[in-house]
Amino acid sequence: MSAVTVRRVARDDFPAAVRMIQDLAVHSGAPQLPKVSIEILENDGPLGRDLFRILVAELDGSVIGLCIYTFAFSGWLGKTGLFIEDLYVEPSARGKGAGQALLQAAAN
């Protein structure tokens, strides 16, 4: 059995990332699809202005999950933190540890 691996997003992953963000909206019952696009990921994401980060999970060479996150700072607490915006794992790959691996990689 193959292990799930996690890595930073690459430009070639953007179409899969857009699809998974849309799938997450459908899964969550959102009334409309997100406005995300490949261009937005390219311009504002980790390969552009770096306003947010994306990690992808792979299994057997296929992208099966993603985690989109940003950093936050609390003046009240006097420390930084992490804000998870989107976490998604393909239904066929759930239960294999991808979600946990994505969260752990983001925390690290």
PDB file of N, CA and C in Angstrom:
ATOM      1  N   MET A   1       0.838  -1.184   0.000  1.00  0.00           N
ATOM      2  CA  MET A   1       0.000   0.000   0.000  1.00  0.00           C
ATOM      3  C   MET A   1       0.876   1.237   0.000  1.00  0.00           C
ATOM      4  N   SER A   2       0.577   2.180  -0.852  1.00  0.00           N
ATOM      5  CA  SER A   2       1.343   3.415  -0.971  1.00  0.00           C
ATOM      6  C   SER A   2       1.019   4.361   0.179  1.00  0.00           C
ATOM      7  N   ALA A   3       1.993   5.200   0.478  1.00  0.00           N
ATOM      8  CA  ALA A   3       1.805   6.196   1.527  1.00  0.00           C
ATOM      9  C   ALA A   3       1.427   7.535   0.909  1.00  0.00           C
ATOM     10  N   VAL A   4       0.666   8.308   1.644  1.00  0.00           N
ATOM     11  CA  VAL A   4       0.319   9.665   1.230  1.00  0.00           C
ATOM     12  C   VAL A   4       1.549  10.547   1.428  1.00  0.00           C
ATOM     13  N   THR A   5       1.841  11.371   0.432  1.00  0.00           N
ATOM     14  CA  THR A   5       2.908  12.351   0.555  1.00  0.00           C
ATOM     15  C   THR A   5       2.308  13.745   0.431  1.00  0.00           C
ATOM     16  N   VAL A   6       2.939  14.707   1.073  1.00  0.00           N
ATOM     17  CA  VAL A   6       2.486  16.094   1.044  1.00  0.00           C
ATOM     18  C   VAL A   6       3.627  16.958   0.538  1.00  0.00           C
ATOM     19  N   ARG A   7       3.279  17.900  -0.326  1.00  0.00           N
ATOM     20  CA  ARG A   7       4.280  18.822  -0.864  1.00  0.00           C
ATOM     21  C   ARG A   7       3.626  20.164  -1.148  1.00  0.00           C
ATOM     22  N   ARG A   8       4.468  21.153  -1.407  1.00  0.00           N
ATOM     23  CA  ARG A   8       3.946  22.463  -1.812  1.00  0.00           C
ATOM     24  C   ARG A   8       3.345  22.360  -3.202  1.00  0.00           C
ATOM     25  N   VAL A   9       2.381  23.184  -3.465  1.00  0.00           N
ATOM     26  CA  VAL A   9       1.715  23.194  -4.759  1.00  0.00           C
ATOM     27  C   VAL A   9       2.697  23.599  -5.857  1.00  0.00           C
ATOM     28  N   ALA A  10       2.485  23.060  -7.033  1.00  0.00           N
ATOM     29  CA  ALA A  10       3.220  23.451  -8.235  1.00  0.00           C
ATOM     30  C   ALA A  10       2.202  24.015  -9.229  1.00  0.00           C
ATOM     31  N   ARG A  11       2.675  24.781 -10.170  1.00  0.00           N
ATOM     32  CA  ARG A  11       1.783  25.399 -11.167  1.00  0.00           C
ATOM     33  C   ARG A  11       0.907  24.345 -11.856  1.00  0.00           C
ATOM     34  N   ASP A  12       1.450  23.184 -12.135  1.00  0.00           N
ATOM     35  CA  ASP A  12       0.687  22.119 -12.791  1.00  0.00           C
ATOM     36  C   ASP A  12      -0.465  21.596 -11.929  1.00  0.00           C
ATOM     37  N   ASP A  13      -0.427  21.885 -10.639  1.00  0.00           N
ATOM     38  CA  ASP A  13      -1.486  21.429  -9.726  1.00  0.00           C
ATOM     39  C   ASP A  13      -2.689  22.356  -9.687  1.00  0.00           C
ATOM     40  N   PHE A  14      -2.576  23.555 -10.261  1.00  0.00           N
ATOM     41  CA  PHE A  14      -3.647  24.538 -10.135  1.00  0.00           C
ATOM     42  C   PHE A  14      -4.990  24.063 -10.684  1.00  0.00           C
ATOM     43  N   PRO A  15      -5.054  23.394 -11.835  1.00  0.00           N
ATOM     44  CA  PRO A  15      -6.372  22.905 -12.274  1.00  0.00           C
ATOM     45  C   PRO A  15      -7.017  21.948 -11.267  1.00  0.00           C
ATOM     46  N   ALA A  16      -6.230  21.050 -10.696  1.00  0.00           N
ATOM     47  CA  ALA A  16      -6.770  20.130  -9.687  1.00  0.00           C
ATOM     48  C   ALA A  16      -7.185  20.896  -8.433  1.00  0.00           C
ATOM     49  N   ALA A  17      -6.422  21.926  -8.060  1.00  0.00           N
ATOM     50  CA  ALA A  17      -6.755  22.722  -6.880  1.00  0.00           C
ATOM     51  C   ALA A  17      -8.094  23.438  -7.077  1.00  0.00           C
ATOM     52  N   VAL A  18      -8.286  24.037  -8.231  1.00  0.00           N
ATOM     53  CA  VAL A  18      -9.555  24.720  -8.521  1.00  0.00           C
ATOM     54  C   VAL A  18     -10.711  23.723  -8.448  1.00  0.00           C
ATOM     55  N   ARG A  19     -10.532  22.566  -9.050  1.00  0.00           N
ATOM     56  CA  ARG A  19     -11.591  21.544  -9.031  1.00  0.00           C
ATOM     57  C   ARG A  19     -11.905  21.100  -7.607  1.00  0.00           C
ATOM     58  N   MET A  20     -10.872  20.890  -6.784  1.00  0.00           N
ATOM     59  CA  MET A  20     -11.109  20.440  -5.409  1.00  0.00           C
ATOM     60  C   MET A  20     -11.781  21.522  -4.568  1.00  0.00           C
ATOM     61  N   ILE A  21     -11.439  22.797  -4.789  1.00  0.00           N
ATOM     62  CA  ILE A  21     -12.107  23.886  -4.071  1.00  0.00           C
ATOM     63  C   ILE A  21     -13.589  23.909  -4.453  1.00  0.00           C
ATOM     64  N   GLN A  22     -13.883  23.699  -5.730  1.00  0.00           N
ATOM     65  CA  GLN A  22     -15.277  23.643  -6.165  1.00  0.00           C
ATOM     66  C   GLN A  22     -15.985  22.419  -5.591  1.00  0.00           C
ATOM     67  N   ASP A  23     -15.297  21.274  -5.571  1.00  0.00           N
ATOM     68  CA  ASP A  23     -15.877  20.060  -4.990  1.00  0.00           C
ATOM     69  C   ASP A  23     -16.177  20.244  -3.507  1.00  0.00           C
ATOM     70  N   LEU A  24     -15.283  20.954  -2.808  1.00  0.00           N
ATOM     71  CA  LEU A  24     -15.505  21.230  -1.389  1.00  0.00           C
ATOM     72  C   LEU A  24     -16.778  22.056  -1.199  1.00  0.00           C
ATOM     73  N   ALA A  25     -16.988  23.034  -2.063  1.00  0.00           N
ATOM     74  CA  ALA A  25     -18.201  23.860  -1.975  1.00  0.00           C
ATOM     75  C   ALA A  25     -19.454  23.013  -2.178  1.00  0.00           C
ATOM     76  N   VAL A  26     -19.422  22.139  -3.166  1.00  0.00           N
ATOM     77  CA  VAL A  26     -20.565  21.254  -3.417  1.00  0.00           C
ATOM     78  C   VAL A  26     -20.779  20.333  -2.221  1.00  0.00           C
ATOM     79  N   HIS A  27     -19.691  19.746  -1.725  1.00  0.00           N
ATOM     80  CA  HIS A  27     -19.780  18.842  -0.566  1.00  0.00           C
ATOM     81  C   HIS A  27     -20.355  19.567   0.654  1.00  0.00           C
ATOM     82  N   SER A  28     -20.015  20.841   0.810  1.00  0.00           N
ATOM     83  CA  SER A  28     -20.474  21.627   1.960  1.00  0.00           C
ATOM     84  C   SER A  28     -21.887  22.172   1.783  1.00  0.00           C
ATOM     85  N   GLY A  29     -22.442  22.002   0.583  1.00  0.00           N
ATOM     86  CA  GLY A  29     -23.789  22.496   0.327  1.00  0.00           C
ATOM     87  C   GLY A  29     -23.850  23.992   0.066  1.00  0.00           C
ATOM     88  N   ALA A  30     -22.741  24.572  -0.369  1.00  0.00           N
ATOM     89  CA  ALA A  30     -22.727  26.014  -0.653  1.00  0.00           C
ATOM     90  C   ALA A  30     -23.722  26.328  -1.772  1.00  0.00           C
ATOM     91  N   PRO A  31     -24.388  27.457  -1.686  1.00  0.00           N
ATOM     92  CA  PRO A  31     -25.402  27.793  -2.686  1.00  0.00           C
ATOM     93  C   PRO A  31     -24.827  28.187  -4.052  1.00  0.00           C
ATOM     94  N   GLN A  32     -23.542  28.484  -4.097  1.00  0.00           N
ATOM     95  CA  GLN A  32     -22.907  28.820  -5.378  1.00  0.00           C
ATOM     96  C   GLN A  32     -21.462  28.336  -5.365  1.00  0.00           C
ATOM     97  N   LEU A  33     -20.884  28.223  -6.545  1.00  0.00           N
ATOM     98  CA  LEU A  33     -19.498  27.788  -6.645  1.00  0.00           C
ATOM     99  C   LEU A  33     -18.557  28.934  -6.300  1.00  0.00           C
ATOM    100  N   PRO A  34     -17.394  28.625  -5.745  1.00  0.00           N
ATOM    101  CA  PRO A  34     -16.401  29.654  -5.444  1.00  0.00           C
ATOM    102  C   PRO A  34     -15.946  30.361  -6.715  1.00  0.00           C
ATOM    103  N   LYS A  35     -15.432  31.557  -6.556  1.00  0.00           N
ATOM    104  CA  LYS A  35     -14.966  32.362  -7.682  1.00  0.00           C
ATOM    105  C   LYS A  35     -13.493  32.127  -7.990  1.00  0.00           C
ATOM    106  N   VAL A  36     -12.901  31.129  -7.390  1.00  0.00           N
ATOM    107  CA  VAL A  36     -11.487  30.832  -7.601  1.00  0.00           C
ATOM    108  C   VAL A  36     -11.226  30.466  -9.061  1.00  0.00           C
ATOM    109  N   SER A  37     -10.035  30.782  -9.519  1.00  0.00           N
ATOM    110  CA  SER A  37      -9.613  30.433 -10.870  1.00  0.00           C
ATOM    111  C   SER A  37      -8.120  30.134 -10.855  1.00  0.00           C
ATOM    112  N   ILE A  38      -7.648  29.532 -11.915  1.00  0.00           N
ATOM    113  CA  ILE A  38      -6.220  29.278 -12.045  1.00  0.00           C
ATOM    114  C   ILE A  38      -5.461  30.606 -11.975  1.00  0.00           C
ATOM    115  N   GLU A  39      -5.983  31.629 -12.631  1.00  0.00           N
ATOM    116  CA  GLU A  39      -5.316  32.932 -12.646  1.00  0.00           C
ATOM    117  C   GLU A  39      -5.197  33.522 -11.242  1.00  0.00           C
ATOM    118  N   ILE A  40      -6.234  33.384 -10.436  1.00  0.00           N
ATOM    119  CA  ILE A  40      -6.175  33.893  -9.064  1.00  0.00           C
ATOM    120  C   ILE A  40      -5.112  33.141  -8.274  1.00  0.00           C
ATOM    121  N   LEU A  41      -5.077  31.816  -8.412  1.00  0.00           N
ATOM    122  CA  LEU A  41      -4.057  31.036  -7.710  1.00  0.00           C
ATOM    123  C   LEU A  41      -2.658  31.444  -8.162  1.00  0.00           C
ATOM    124  N   GLU A  42      -2.489  31.653  -9.460  1.00  0.00           N
ATOM    125  CA  GLU A  42      -1.180  32.059  -9.984  1.00  0.00           C
ATOM    126  C   GLU A  42      -0.769  33.431  -9.471  1.00  0.00           C
ATOM    127  N   ASN A  43      -1.690  34.394  -9.493  1.00  0.00           N
ATOM    128  CA  ASN A  43      -1.359  35.774  -9.136  1.00  0.00           C
ATOM    129  C   ASN A  43      -1.200  35.991  -7.635  1.00  0.00           C
ATOM    130  N   ASP A  44      -2.111  35.436  -6.848  1.00  0.00           N
ATOM    131  CA  ASP A  44      -2.135  35.745  -5.418  1.00  0.00           C
ATOM    132  C   ASP A  44      -1.562  34.650  -4.531  1.00  0.00           C
ATOM    133  N   GLY A  45      -1.392  33.461  -5.070  1.00  0.00           N
ATOM    134  CA  GLY A  45      -0.941  32.326  -4.287  1.00  0.00           C
ATOM    135  C   GLY A  45       0.560  32.257  -4.089  1.00  0.00           C
ATOM    136  N   PRO A  46       1.034  31.096  -3.672  1.00  0.00           N
ATOM    137  CA  PRO A  46       2.436  30.932  -3.291  1.00  0.00           C
ATOM    138  C   PRO A  46       3.443  31.129  -4.423  1.00  0.00           C
ATOM    139  N   LEU A  47       3.008  31.045  -5.669  1.00  0.00           N
ATOM    140  CA  LEU A  47       3.926  31.250  -6.789  1.00  0.00           C
ATOM    141  C   LEU A  47       3.824  32.669  -7.341  1.00  0.00           C
ATOM    142  N   GLY A  48       2.952  33.468  -6.725  1.00  0.00           N
ATOM    143  CA  GLY A  48       2.761  34.858  -7.139  1.00  0.00           C
ATOM    144  C   GLY A  48       3.056  35.785  -5.974  1.00  0.00           C
ATOM    145  N   ARG A  49       2.011  36.479  -5.510  1.00  0.00           N
ATOM    146  CA  ARG A  49       2.178  37.439  -4.408  1.00  0.00           C
ATOM    147  C   ARG A  49       2.326  36.776  -3.041  1.00  0.00           C
ATOM    148  N   ASP A  50       2.132  35.483  -2.963  1.00  0.00           N
ATOM    149  CA  ASP A  50       2.318  34.691  -1.737  1.00  0.00           C
ATOM    150  C   ASP A  50       1.419  35.165  -0.597  1.00  0.00           C
ATOM    151  N   LEU A  51       0.150  35.465  -0.925  1.00  0.00           N
ATOM    152  CA  LEU A  51      -0.803  35.895   0.083  1.00  0.00           C
ATOM    153  C   LEU A  51      -1.417  34.723   0.844  1.00  0.00           C
ATOM    154  N   PHE A  52      -1.275  33.524   0.311  1.00  0.00           N
ATOM    155  CA  PHE A  52      -1.725  32.310   0.978  1.00  0.00           C
ATOM    156  C   PHE A  52      -0.848  31.162   0.503  1.00  0.00           C
ATOM    157  N   ARG A  53      -0.900  30.072   1.209  1.00  0.00           N
ATOM    158  CA  ARG A  53      -0.101  28.896   0.882  1.00  0.00           C
ATOM    159  C   ARG A  53      -1.031  27.741   0.518  1.00  0.00           C
ATOM    160  N   ILE A  54      -0.532  26.854  -0.316  1.00  0.00           N
ATOM    161  CA  ILE A  54      -1.282  25.658  -0.694  1.00  0.00           C
ATOM    162  C   ILE A  54      -0.358  24.455  -0.583  1.00  0.00           C
ATOM    163  N   LEU A  55      -0.815  23.445   0.106  1.00  0.00           N
ATOM    164  CA  LEU A  55      -0.161  22.141   0.133  1.00  0.00           C
ATOM    165  C   LEU A  55      -1.072  21.157  -0.572  1.00  0.00           C
ATOM    166  N   VAL A  56      -0.469  20.195  -1.255  1.00  0.00           N
ATOM    167  CA  VAL A  56      -1.257  19.139  -1.884  1.00  0.00           C
ATOM    168  C   VAL A  56      -0.802  17.787  -1.338  1.00  0.00           C
ATOM    169  N   ALA A  57      -1.748  16.876  -1.265  1.00  0.00           N
ATOM    170  CA  ALA A  57      -1.467  15.501  -0.867  1.00  0.00           C
ATOM    171  C   ALA A  57      -1.526  14.640  -2.119  1.00  0.00           C
ATOM    172  N   GLU A  58      -0.587  13.717  -2.223  1.00  0.00           N
ATOM    173  CA  GLU A  58      -0.542  12.795  -3.357  1.00  0.00           C
ATOM    174  C   GLU A  58      -0.600  11.355  -2.869  1.00  0.00           C
ATOM    175  N   LEU A  59      -1.198  10.546  -3.688  1.00  0.00           N
ATOM    176  CA  LEU A  59      -1.243   9.103  -3.451  1.00  0.00           C
ATOM    177  C   LEU A  59      -1.093   8.433  -4.804  1.00  0.00           C
ATOM    178  N   ASP A  60      -0.105   7.598  -4.926  1.00  0.00           N
ATOM    179  CA  ASP A  60       0.166   6.895  -6.188  1.00  0.00           C
ATOM    180  C   ASP A  60       0.300   7.855  -7.371  1.00  0.00           C
ATOM    181  N   GLY A  61       0.938   9.016  -7.131  1.00  0.00           N
ATOM    182  CA  GLY A  61       1.198   9.964  -8.208  1.00  0.00           C
ATOM    183  C   GLY A  61       0.054  10.881  -8.572  1.00  0.00           C
ATOM    184  N   SER A  62      -1.072  10.769  -7.874  1.00  0.00           N
ATOM    185  CA  SER A  62      -2.224  11.631  -8.158  1.00  0.00           C
ATOM    186  C   SER A  62      -2.481  12.573  -6.984  1.00  0.00           C
ATOM    187  N   VAL A  63      -2.830  13.818  -7.288  1.00  0.00           N
ATOM    188  CA  VAL A  63      -3.199  14.775  -6.246  1.00  0.00           C
ATOM    189  C   VAL A  63      -4.582  14.399  -5.742  1.00  0.00           C
ATOM    190  N   ILE A  64      -4.663  14.158  -4.432  1.00  0.00           N
ATOM    191  CA  ILE A  64      -5.924  13.689  -3.849  1.00  0.00           C
ATOM    192  C   ILE A  64      -6.453  14.610  -2.753  1.00  0.00           C
ATOM    193  N   GLY A  65      -5.711  15.669  -2.452  1.00  0.00           N
ATOM    194  CA  GLY A  65      -6.171  16.575  -1.405  1.00  0.00           C
ATOM    195  C   GLY A  65      -5.399  17.874  -1.419  1.00  0.00           C
ATOM    196  N   LEU A  66      -5.964  18.860  -0.717  1.00  0.00           N
ATOM    197  CA  LEU A  66      -5.262  20.135  -0.595  1.00  0.00           C
ATOM    198  C   LEU A  66      -5.600  20.806   0.715  1.00  0.00           C
ATOM    199  N   CYS A  67      -4.695  21.683   1.120  1.00  0.00           N
ATOM    200  CA  CYS A  67      -4.884  22.521   2.294  1.00  0.00           C
ATOM    201  C   CYS A  67      -4.435  23.925   1.910  1.00  0.00           C
ATOM    202  N   ILE A  68      -5.342  24.887   2.041  1.00  0.00           N
ATOM    203  CA  ILE A  68      -5.024  26.281   1.783  1.00  0.00           C
ATOM    204  C   ILE A  68      -5.026  26.987   3.131  1.00  0.00           C
ATOM    205  N   TYR A  69      -3.933  27.709   3.412  1.00  0.00           N
ATOM    206  CA  TYR A  69      -3.817  28.356   4.713  1.00  0.00           C
ATOM    207  C   TYR A  69      -3.088  29.684   4.618  1.00  0.00           C
ATOM    208  N   THR A  70      -3.260  30.486   5.653  1.00  0.00           N
ATOM    209  CA  THR A  70      -2.561  31.752   5.801  1.00  0.00           C
ATOM    210  C   THR A  70      -2.020  31.830   7.221  1.00  0.00           C
ATOM    211  N   PHE A  71      -1.152  32.785   7.428  1.00  0.00           N
ATOM    212  CA  PHE A  71      -0.630  33.043   8.768  1.00  0.00           C
ATOM    213  C   PHE A  71      -1.390  34.202   9.376  1.00  0.00           C
ATOM    214  N   ALA A  72      -1.539  34.165  10.654  1.00  0.00           N
ATOM    215  CA  ALA A  72      -2.253  35.217  11.372  1.00  0.00           C
ATOM    216  C   ALA A  72      -1.409  35.647  12.567  1.00  0.00           C
ATOM    217  N   PHE A  73      -1.643  36.857  13.021  1.00  0.00           N
ATOM    218  CA  PHE A  73      -0.968  37.347  14.218  1.00  0.00           C
ATOM    219  C   PHE A  73      -2.006  37.902  15.173  1.00  0.00           C
ATOM    220  N   SER A  74      -1.890  37.529  16.422  1.00  0.00           N
ATOM    221  CA  SER A  74      -2.776  38.043  17.463  1.00  0.00           C
ATOM    222  C   SER A  74      -1.976  38.973  18.368  1.00  0.00           C
ATOM    223  N   GLY A  75      -2.287  40.255  18.312  1.00  0.00           N
ATOM    224  CA  GLY A  75      -1.657  41.186  19.233  1.00  0.00           C
ATOM    225  C   GLY A  75      -2.063  40.889  20.664  1.00  0.00           C
ATOM    226  N   TRP A  76      -3.279  40.420  20.813  1.00  0.00           N
ATOM    227  CA  TRP A  76      -3.789  40.092  22.139  1.00  0.00           C
ATOM    228  C   TRP A  76      -2.968  38.982  22.784  1.00  0.00           C
ATOM    229  N   LEU A  77      -2.690  37.937  21.991  1.00  0.00           N
ATOM    230  CA  LEU A  77      -1.897  36.821  22.498  1.00  0.00           C
ATOM    231  C   LEU A  77      -0.396  37.048  22.334  1.00  0.00           C
ATOM    232  N   GLY A  78      -0.034  37.964  21.426  1.00  0.00           N
ATOM    233  CA  GLY A  78       1.376  38.240  21.195  1.00  0.00           C
ATOM    234  C   GLY A  78       2.098  37.130  20.466  1.00  0.00           C
ATOM    235  N   LYS A  79       1.368  36.426  19.597  1.00  0.00           N
ATOM    236  CA  LYS A  79       2.022  35.355  18.842  1.00  0.00           C
ATOM    237  C   LYS A  79       1.300  35.103  17.525  1.00  0.00           C
ATOM    238  N   THR A  80       1.978  34.377  16.674  1.00  0.00           N
ATOM    239  CA  THR A  80       1.413  34.046  15.369  1.00  0.00           C
ATOM    240  C   THR A  80       0.628  32.748  15.455  1.00  0.00           C
ATOM    241  N   GLY A  81      -0.180  32.541  14.442  1.00  0.00           N
ATOM    242  CA  GLY A  81      -0.965  31.322  14.346  1.00  0.00           C
ATOM    243  C   GLY A  81      -1.204  30.989  12.888  1.00  0.00           C
ATOM    244  N   LEU A  82      -1.981  29.982  12.682  1.00  0.00           N
ATOM    245  CA  LEU A  82      -2.264  29.474  11.350  1.00  0.00           C
ATOM    246  C   LEU A  82      -3.772  29.454  11.156  1.00  0.00           C
ATOM    247  N   PHE A  83      -4.234  29.895   9.993  1.00  0.00           N
ATOM    248  CA  PHE A  83      -5.653  29.876   9.680  1.00  0.00           C
ATOM    249  C   PHE A  83      -5.855  28.958   8.481  1.00  0.00           C
ATOM    250  N   ILE A  84      -6.574  27.873   8.681  1.00  0.00           N
ATOM    251  CA  ILE A  84      -6.886  26.939   7.604  1.00  0.00           C
ATOM    252  C   ILE A  84      -8.137  27.445   6.896  1.00  0.00           C
ATOM    253  N   GLU A  85      -7.982  27.791   5.639  1.00  0.00           N
ATOM    254  CA  GLU A  85      -9.107  28.284   4.840  1.00  0.00           C
ATOM    255  C   GLU A  85      -9.885  27.120   4.225  1.00  0.00           C
ATOM    256  N   ASP A  86      -9.182  26.219   3.570  1.00  0.00           N
ATOM    257  CA  ASP A  86      -9.810  25.068   2.915  1.00  0.00           C
ATOM    258  C   ASP A  86      -8.982  23.818   3.168  1.00  0.00           C
ATOM    259  N   LEU A  87      -9.673  22.735   3.480  1.00  0.00           N
ATOM    260  CA  LEU A  87      -9.059  21.415   3.619  1.00  0.00           C
ATOM    261  C   LEU A  87      -9.971  20.439   2.908  1.00  0.00           C
ATOM    262  N   TYR A  88      -9.417  19.722   1.932  1.00  0.00           N
ATOM    263  CA  TYR A  88     -10.242  18.811   1.146  1.00  0.00           C
ATOM    264  C   TYR A  88      -9.445  17.581   0.763  1.00  0.00           C
ATOM    265  N   VAL A  89     -10.093  16.430   0.841  1.00  0.00           N
ATOM    266  CA  VAL A  89      -9.541  15.159   0.379  1.00  0.00           C
ATOM    267  C   VAL A  89     -10.596  14.492  -0.484  1.00  0.00           C
ATOM    268  N   GLU A  90     -10.170  14.012  -1.638  1.00  0.00           N
ATOM    269  CA  GLU A  90     -11.094  13.321  -2.546  1.00  0.00           C
ATOM    270  C   GLU A  90     -11.831  12.212  -1.794  1.00  0.00           C
ATOM    271  N   PRO A  91     -13.136  12.052  -2.020  1.00  0.00           N
ATOM    272  CA  PRO A  91     -13.893  11.015  -1.316  1.00  0.00           C
ATOM    273  C   PRO A  91     -13.279   9.619  -1.422  1.00  0.00           C
ATOM    274  N   SER A  92     -12.746   9.280  -2.583  1.00  0.00           N
ATOM    275  CA  SER A  92     -12.165   7.937  -2.770  1.00  0.00           C
ATOM    276  C   SER A  92     -10.870   7.738  -1.987  1.00  0.00           C
ATOM    277  N   ALA A  93     -10.274   8.824  -1.498  1.00  0.00           N
ATOM    278  CA  ALA A  93      -9.000   8.733  -0.781  1.00  0.00           C
ATOM    279  C   ALA A  93      -9.143   8.992   0.716  1.00  0.00           C
ATOM    280  N   ARG A  94     -10.345   9.214   1.176  1.00  0.00           N
ATOM    281  CA  ARG A  94     -10.552   9.493   2.596  1.00  0.00           C
ATOM    282  C   ARG A  94     -10.280   8.258   3.439  1.00  0.00           C
ATOM    283  N   GLY A  95      -9.805   8.499   4.650  1.00  0.00           N
ATOM    284  CA  GLY A  95      -9.487   7.400   5.557  1.00  0.00           C
ATOM    285  C   GLY A  95      -8.075   6.877   5.399  1.00  0.00           C
ATOM    286  N   LYS A  96      -7.280   7.504   4.557  1.00  0.00           N
ATOM    287  CA  LYS A  96      -5.906   7.062   4.317  1.00  0.00           C
ATOM    288  C   LYS A  96      -4.871   7.982   4.983  1.00  0.00           C
ATOM    289  N   GLY A  97      -5.340   8.985   5.736  1.00  0.00           N
ATOM    290  CA  GLY A  97      -4.444   9.861   6.470  1.00  0.00           C
ATOM    291  C   GLY A  97      -4.049  11.132   5.758  1.00  0.00           C
ATOM    292  N   ALA A  98      -4.631  11.422   4.604  1.00  0.00           N
ATOM    293  CA  ALA A  98      -4.246  12.599   3.840  1.00  0.00           C
ATOM    294  C   ALA A  98      -4.593  13.896   4.578  1.00  0.00           C
ATOM    295  N   GLY A  99      -5.774  13.982   5.152  1.00  0.00           N
ATOM    296  CA  GLY A  99      -6.181  15.189   5.867  1.00  0.00           C
ATOM    297  C   GLY A  99      -5.252  15.478   7.043  1.00  0.00           C
ATOM    298  N   GLN A 100      -4.961  14.452   7.795  1.00  0.00           N
ATOM    299  CA  GLN A 100      -4.055  14.608   8.938  1.00  0.00           C
ATOM    300  C   GLN A 100      -2.656  14.991   8.472  1.00  0.00           C
ATOM    301  N   ALA A 101      -2.187  14.387   7.391  1.00  0.00           N
ATOM    302  CA  ALA A 101      -0.857  14.713   6.858  1.00  0.00           C
ATOM    303  C   ALA A 101      -0.795  16.153   6.359  1.00  0.00           C
ATOM    304  N   LEU A 102      -1.862  16.631   5.717  1.00  0.00           N
ATOM    305  CA  LEU A 102      -1.911  18.020   5.258  1.00  0.00           C
ATOM    306  C   LEU A 102      -1.884  18.989   6.438  1.00  0.00           C
ATOM    307  N   LEU A 103      -2.671  18.725   7.453  1.00  0.00           N
ATOM    308  CA  LEU A 103      -2.695  19.601   8.627  1.00  0.00           C
ATOM    309  C   LEU A 103      -1.350  19.608   9.365  1.00  0.00           C
ATOM    310  N   GLN A 104      -0.746  18.452   9.481  1.00  0.00           N
ATOM    311  CA  GLN A 104       0.563  18.376  10.136  1.00  0.00           C
ATOM    312  C   GLN A 104       1.621  19.145   9.357  1.00  0.00           C
ATOM    313  N   ALA A 105       1.609  19.004   8.037  1.00  0.00           N
ATOM    314  CA  ALA A 105       2.581  19.725   7.202  1.00  0.00           C
ATOM    315  C   ALA A 105       2.372  21.232   7.287  1.00  0.00           C
ATOM    316  N   ALA A 106       1.120  21.680   7.322  1.00  0.00           N
ATOM    317  CA  ALA A 106       0.843  23.105   7.457  1.00  0.00           C
ATOM    318  C   ALA A 106       1.338  23.620   8.803  1.00  0.00           C
ATOM    319  N   ALA A 107       1.122  22.856   9.849  1.00  0.00           N
ATOM    320  CA  ALA A 107       1.545  23.258  11.194  1.00  0.00           C
ATOM    321  C   ALA A 107       3.065  23.327  11.298  1.00  0.00           C
ATOM    322  N   ASN A 108       3.729  22.487  10.553  1.00  0.00           N
ATOM    323  CA  ASN A 108       5.201  22.486  10.602  1.00  0.00           C
ATOM    324  C   ASN A 108       5.755  23.646   9.811  1.00  0.00           C
TER     325      ASN A 108
END
